[in-house]
Amino acid sequence: MASALEDLSQFDVSNEEKDRLVAEVIRYVLFKTHQTAGCPIKREELTQLVSKNYRQRALPGFIINEAKEKLSTIFGYEMRELQRSRPSSASQGRSSQQSVSDAKSYVIMSKLPGDAYKKYVEDANTAHLSGFTFVVISIVHLAGGKVAEEALWHQLRRLGLDERSESHPVLGNAKQALETLVQQRYLQKDKVSGPEGTTLFYELAERALDRPVSEKIKEYISEVGKKEVTYVDDD
């Protein structure tokens, strides 16, 4: 507490003002996450929220860190910072200094144990979206992290999903469901020109490459593989 007050003194901001700013950032993060179905929130948005009435350059970073701490201790959420990745074809020839300047963003992830989260937090009405997300990311992961649009839809058609369907009984518009994964930064799109024209690729983005998600995907693929081996052995 004393250390926090010492840090605060450099900004000429009262403890009450600090608490108000932290609460404002937390409220923004929670509501924006809900409104955008979990799409990452740009650090720039949070910085502007703090700096609109305060000019101290380092204050936004201090307030964001305080908000991260309270989200963890009070709400049970980890506010993870994601470094925006670029499509592999676009990143070729870019210097490391350029990539550091790419926009940072945040997502919030529950710190509750899986069984507690499923019992008290998970919404059964959106569980199908989580399943769709895991399946799509797994397909792209197995393809080496990048797959052509037609190859991805070929695999999804085998699961009963057609890109022309606008009224899937669970997902509704199938193409829009895939586009949502791009907006949530699980995937990114990359157009690559070749001798036969331009091909659209889907590539794993920073949300899918983040360690917790990446490890769950590998675990999921491993479990599916074990079940297939068991099924073959039974035959």
Protein backbone atom coordinates (compact mmCIF):
# COMPACT_ATOMS: atom_id res chain seq x y z
CA MET A 1 0.00 0.00 0.00
CA ALA A 2 2.79 2.44 0.96
CA SER A 3 4.63 1.62 -2.26
CA ALA A 4 1.48 2.31 -4.31
CA LEU A 5 1.03 5.69 -2.62
CA GLU A 6 4.66 6.56 -3.28
CA ASP A 7 4.18 5.71 -6.96
CA LEU A 8 1.00 7.79 -7.02
CA SER A 9 2.71 10.88 -5.61
CA GLN A 10 4.70 11.39 -8.80
CA PHE A 11 1.51 12.05 -10.76
CA ASP A 12 -0.01 14.72 -8.49
CA VAL A 13 -3.23 12.67 -8.37
CA SER A 14 -5.14 11.94 -5.17
CA ASN A 15 -5.89 8.41 -4.02
CA GLU A 16 -9.60 9.08 -4.64
CA GLU A 17 -8.90 10.19 -8.22
CA LYS A 18 -6.76 7.10 -8.74
CA ASP A 19 -9.53 4.81 -7.47
CA ARG A 20 -12.05 6.51 -9.75
CA LEU A 21 -9.81 6.07 -12.80
CA VAL A 22 -9.13 2.42 -11.96
CA ALA A 23 -12.87 1.77 -11.55
CA GLU A 24 -13.53 3.48 -14.89
CA VAL A 25 -11.00 1.27 -16.67
CA ILE A 26 -12.38 -1.90 -15.05
CA ARG A 27 -15.95 -0.95 -15.97
CA TYR A 28 -14.90 -0.25 -19.56
CA VAL A 29 -13.04 -3.56 -19.87
CA LEU A 30 -15.91 -5.63 -18.47
CA PHE A 31 -18.65 -3.97 -20.51
CA LYS A 32 -16.63 -3.84 -23.74
CA THR A 33 -15.73 -7.52 -23.40
CA HIS A 34 -19.41 -8.39 -22.98
CA GLN A 35 -20.60 -6.16 -25.81
CA THR A 36 -18.03 -7.40 -28.35
CA ALA A 37 -18.21 -11.11 -27.47
CA GLY A 38 -14.68 -11.11 -26.07
CA CYS A 39 -12.89 -9.17 -28.80
CA PRO A 40 -9.54 -7.77 -27.61
CA ILE A 41 -9.52 -4.22 -26.27
CA LYS A 42 -6.77 -1.98 -27.62
CA ARG A 43 -4.40 -0.49 -25.07
CA GLU A 44 -4.88 2.81 -26.88
CA GLU A 45 -8.56 2.83 -25.86
CA LEU A 46 -7.67 2.46 -22.17
CA THR A 47 -4.90 5.04 -22.44
CA GLN A 48 -7.33 7.57 -23.93
CA LEU A 49 -9.82 6.83 -21.16
CA VAL A 50 -7.26 7.95 -18.58
CA SER A 51 -5.52 10.72 -20.49
CA LYS A 52 -8.66 12.60 -21.59
CA ASN A 53 -8.52 14.62 -18.35
CA TYR A 54 -4.92 13.98 -17.24
CA ARG A 55 -1.73 14.83 -19.10
CA GLN A 56 0.80 12.86 -17.03
CA ARG A 57 2.44 10.60 -19.60
CA ALA A 58 3.06 7.59 -17.36
CA LEU A 59 -0.30 7.74 -15.57
CA PRO A 60 -2.27 5.50 -18.00
CA GLY A 61 0.23 2.65 -17.56
CA PHE A 62 0.02 2.98 -13.77
CA ILE A 63 -3.81 2.97 -13.81
CA ILE A 64 -3.99 0.01 -16.21
CA ASN A 65 -1.67 -2.01 -13.96
CA GLU A 66 -3.83 -1.16 -10.93
CA ALA A 67 -6.93 -2.22 -12.87
CA LYS A 68 -5.26 -5.53 -13.79
CA GLU A 69 -4.51 -6.17 -10.12
CA LYS A 70 -8.10 -5.46 -8.99
CA LEU A 71 -9.59 -7.52 -11.81
CA SER A 72 -7.50 -10.41 -10.54
CA THR A 73 -8.07 -10.08 -6.79
CA ILE A 74 -11.71 -8.96 -6.82
CA PHE A 75 -13.26 -10.34 -10.00
CA GLY A 76 -11.08 -13.42 -10.56
CA TYR A 77 -10.04 -12.36 -14.06
CA GLU A 78 -6.58 -12.24 -15.58
CA MET A 79 -6.20 -9.29 -17.93
CA ARG A 80 -3.72 -10.58 -20.46
CA GLU A 81 -1.78 -8.34 -22.81
CA LEU A 82 -1.54 -9.57 -26.38
CA GLN A 83 1.06 -8.37 -28.85
CA ARG A 84 -0.70 -8.06 -32.20
CA SER A 85 0.81 -10.43 -34.72
CA ARG A 86 0.91 -9.88 -38.45
CA PRO A 87 0.26 -12.33 -41.29
CA SER A 88 3.42 -14.30 -42.08
CA SER A 89 3.62 -12.97 -45.62
CA ALA A 90 3.32 -9.36 -44.42
CA SER A 91 5.92 -9.80 -41.70
CA GLN A 92 8.65 -10.92 -44.09
CA GLY A 93 11.29 -8.23 -44.34
CA ARG A 94 9.95 -6.29 -41.35
CA SER A 95 12.50 -5.31 -38.74
CA SER A 96 12.10 -6.35 -35.10
CA GLN A 97 11.84 -2.66 -34.21
CA GLN A 98 8.79 -2.31 -36.45
CA SER A 99 7.05 -5.32 -34.92
CA VAL A 100 7.49 -3.95 -31.40
CA SER A 101 5.43 -0.94 -32.44
CA ASP A 102 2.44 -3.11 -33.40
CA ALA A 103 -0.71 -2.38 -31.41
CA LYS A 104 -1.09 -4.08 -28.03
CA SER A 105 -4.46 -5.23 -26.76
CA TYR A 106 -6.02 -6.96 -23.77
CA VAL A 107 -8.39 -9.84 -23.16
CA ILE A 108 -9.73 -11.05 -19.84
CA MET A 109 -9.61 -14.71 -18.88
CA SER A 110 -11.18 -16.37 -15.87
CA LYS A 111 -8.78 -17.62 -13.20
CA LEU A 112 -11.38 -19.99 -11.76
CA PRO A 113 -10.71 -23.74 -11.88
CA GLY A 114 -12.37 -25.40 -14.87
CA ASP A 115 -15.08 -27.20 -12.88
CA ALA A 116 -16.02 -24.03 -10.92
CA TYR A 117 -16.10 -21.96 -14.10
CA LYS A 118 -18.34 -24.49 -15.83
CA LYS A 119 -20.72 -24.63 -12.85
CA TYR A 120 -21.02 -20.95 -11.97
CA VAL A 121 -19.91 -18.86 -14.96
CA GLU A 122 -20.16 -20.70 -18.25
CA ASP A 123 -23.25 -19.83 -20.28
CA ALA A 124 -24.79 -22.94 -21.83
CA ASN A 125 -26.29 -20.73 -24.56
CA THR A 126 -22.83 -19.83 -25.88
CA ALA A 127 -21.09 -23.18 -25.35
CA HIS A 128 -21.52 -24.01 -29.05
CA LEU A 129 -19.40 -20.97 -29.96
CA SER A 130 -16.55 -22.23 -27.78
CA GLY A 131 -16.80 -25.62 -29.50
CA PHE A 132 -16.76 -24.00 -32.95
CA THR A 133 -13.74 -21.90 -31.96
CA PHE A 134 -11.78 -24.92 -30.75
CA VAL A 135 -12.59 -26.95 -33.86
CA VAL A 136 -11.56 -24.19 -36.29
CA ILE A 137 -8.35 -23.36 -34.42
CA SER A 138 -7.49 -27.06 -34.24
CA ILE A 139 -7.93 -27.44 -38.02
CA VAL A 140 -5.64 -24.46 -38.67
CA HIS A 141 -3.15 -25.71 -36.06
CA LEU A 142 -2.98 -29.16 -37.71
CA ALA A 143 -2.43 -27.46 -41.07
CA GLY A 144 0.72 -25.87 -39.70
CA GLY A 145 -0.80 -22.65 -38.44
CA LYS A 146 -2.04 -21.44 -41.81
CA VAL A 147 -4.64 -22.84 -44.21
CA ALA A 148 -6.25 -21.74 -47.46
CA GLU A 149 -9.88 -20.63 -47.18
CA GLU A 150 -11.15 -23.41 -49.46
CA ALA A 151 -9.22 -26.09 -47.54
CA LEU A 152 -10.67 -24.82 -44.25
CA TRP A 153 -14.24 -24.88 -45.56
CA HIS A 154 -13.61 -28.33 -47.03
CA GLN A 155 -12.91 -29.59 -43.52
CA LEU A 156 -15.84 -27.69 -42.03
CA ARG A 157 -18.21 -29.07 -44.69
CA ARG A 158 -17.26 -32.54 -43.52
CA LEU A 159 -18.59 -31.48 -40.11
CA GLY A 160 -21.85 -30.24 -41.60
CA LEU A 161 -20.96 -26.54 -41.93
CA ASP A 162 -21.40 -24.87 -45.32
CA GLU A 163 -20.11 -21.38 -46.04
CA ARG A 164 -23.31 -20.67 -48.01
CA SER A 165 -25.52 -21.41 -45.03
CA GLU A 166 -27.06 -18.34 -43.40
CA SER A 167 -29.37 -20.24 -41.08
CA HIS A 168 -27.37 -22.97 -39.39
CA PRO A 169 -29.48 -24.27 -36.46
CA VAL A 170 -26.70 -23.47 -33.97
CA LEU A 171 -24.32 -20.93 -35.51
CA GLY A 172 -26.68 -19.02 -37.78
CA ASN A 173 -24.61 -17.45 -40.58
CA ALA A 174 -21.61 -19.78 -40.94
CA LYS A 175 -19.36 -17.26 -42.69
CA GLN A 176 -20.12 -14.63 -40.07
CA ALA A 177 -19.30 -17.13 -37.30
CA LEU A 178 -15.86 -17.58 -38.90
CA GLU A 179 -15.46 -13.83 -39.31
CA THR A 180 -16.16 -13.40 -35.60
CA LEU A 181 -13.05 -15.48 -34.86
CA VAL A 182 -11.06 -12.97 -36.92
CA GLN A 183 -12.55 -10.06 -34.95
CA GLN A 184 -11.73 -11.86 -31.70
CA ARG A 185 -8.14 -12.30 -32.95
CA TYR A 186 -8.13 -16.07 -32.87
CA LEU A 187 -7.53 -15.94 -36.63
CA GLN A 188 -6.24 -13.42 -39.12
CA LYS A 189 -6.76 -13.28 -42.86
CA ASP A 190 -3.94 -13.02 -45.35
CA LYS A 191 -4.28 -12.60 -49.12
CA VAL A 192 -1.39 -14.10 -51.07
CA SER A 193 -0.90 -13.50 -54.79
CA GLY A 194 0.36 -16.33 -56.95
CA PRO A 195 0.46 -17.54 -60.58
CA GLU A 196 -3.17 -18.67 -60.37
CA GLY A 197 -4.46 -15.49 -58.76
CA THR A 198 -5.04 -14.37 -55.20
CA THR A 199 -5.68 -16.93 -52.46
CA LEU A 200 -7.16 -16.09 -49.08
CA PHE A 201 -5.49 -17.79 -46.12
CA TYR A 202 -6.55 -18.06 -42.49
CA GLU A 203 -3.69 -17.98 -40.02
CA LEU A 204 -3.52 -18.34 -36.25
CA ALA A 205 -3.54 -14.91 -34.58
CA GLU A 206 -2.23 -13.83 -31.18
CA ARG A 207 -5.28 -15.04 -29.21
CA ALA A 208 -4.83 -18.61 -30.52
CA LEU A 209 -1.05 -18.42 -30.08
CA ASP A 210 -1.35 -17.28 -26.46
CA ARG A 211 0.02 -20.06 -24.22
CA PRO A 212 -3.16 -20.99 -22.26
CA VAL A 213 -5.23 -21.34 -25.44
CA SER A 214 -2.43 -23.02 -27.38
CA GLU A 215 -1.94 -25.61 -24.62
CA LYS A 216 -5.68 -26.36 -24.48
CA ILE A 217 -5.76 -26.84 -28.25
CA LYS A 218 -2.85 -29.29 -28.12
CA GLU A 219 -4.54 -31.15 -25.26
CA TYR A 220 -7.81 -31.28 -27.22
CA ILE A 221 -6.07 -32.63 -30.34
CA SER A 222 -4.22 -35.19 -28.24
CA GLU A 223 -7.49 -36.43 -26.67
CA VAL A 224 -9.15 -36.72 -30.10
CA GLY A 225 -6.13 -38.68 -31.35
CA LYS A 226 -6.33 -41.10 -28.41
CA LYS A 227 -10.03 -41.73 -29.06
CA GLU A 228 -9.36 -42.45 -32.72
CA VAL A 229 -6.60 -44.92 -31.82
CA THR A 230 -8.91 -46.64 -29.31
CA TYR A 231 -11.66 -46.86 -31.95
CA VAL A 232 -9.29 -48.45 -34.48
CA ASP A 233 -7.98 -50.94 -31.88
CA ASP A 234 -11.53 -51.95 -30.97
CA ASP A 235 -12.20 -52.76 -34.61
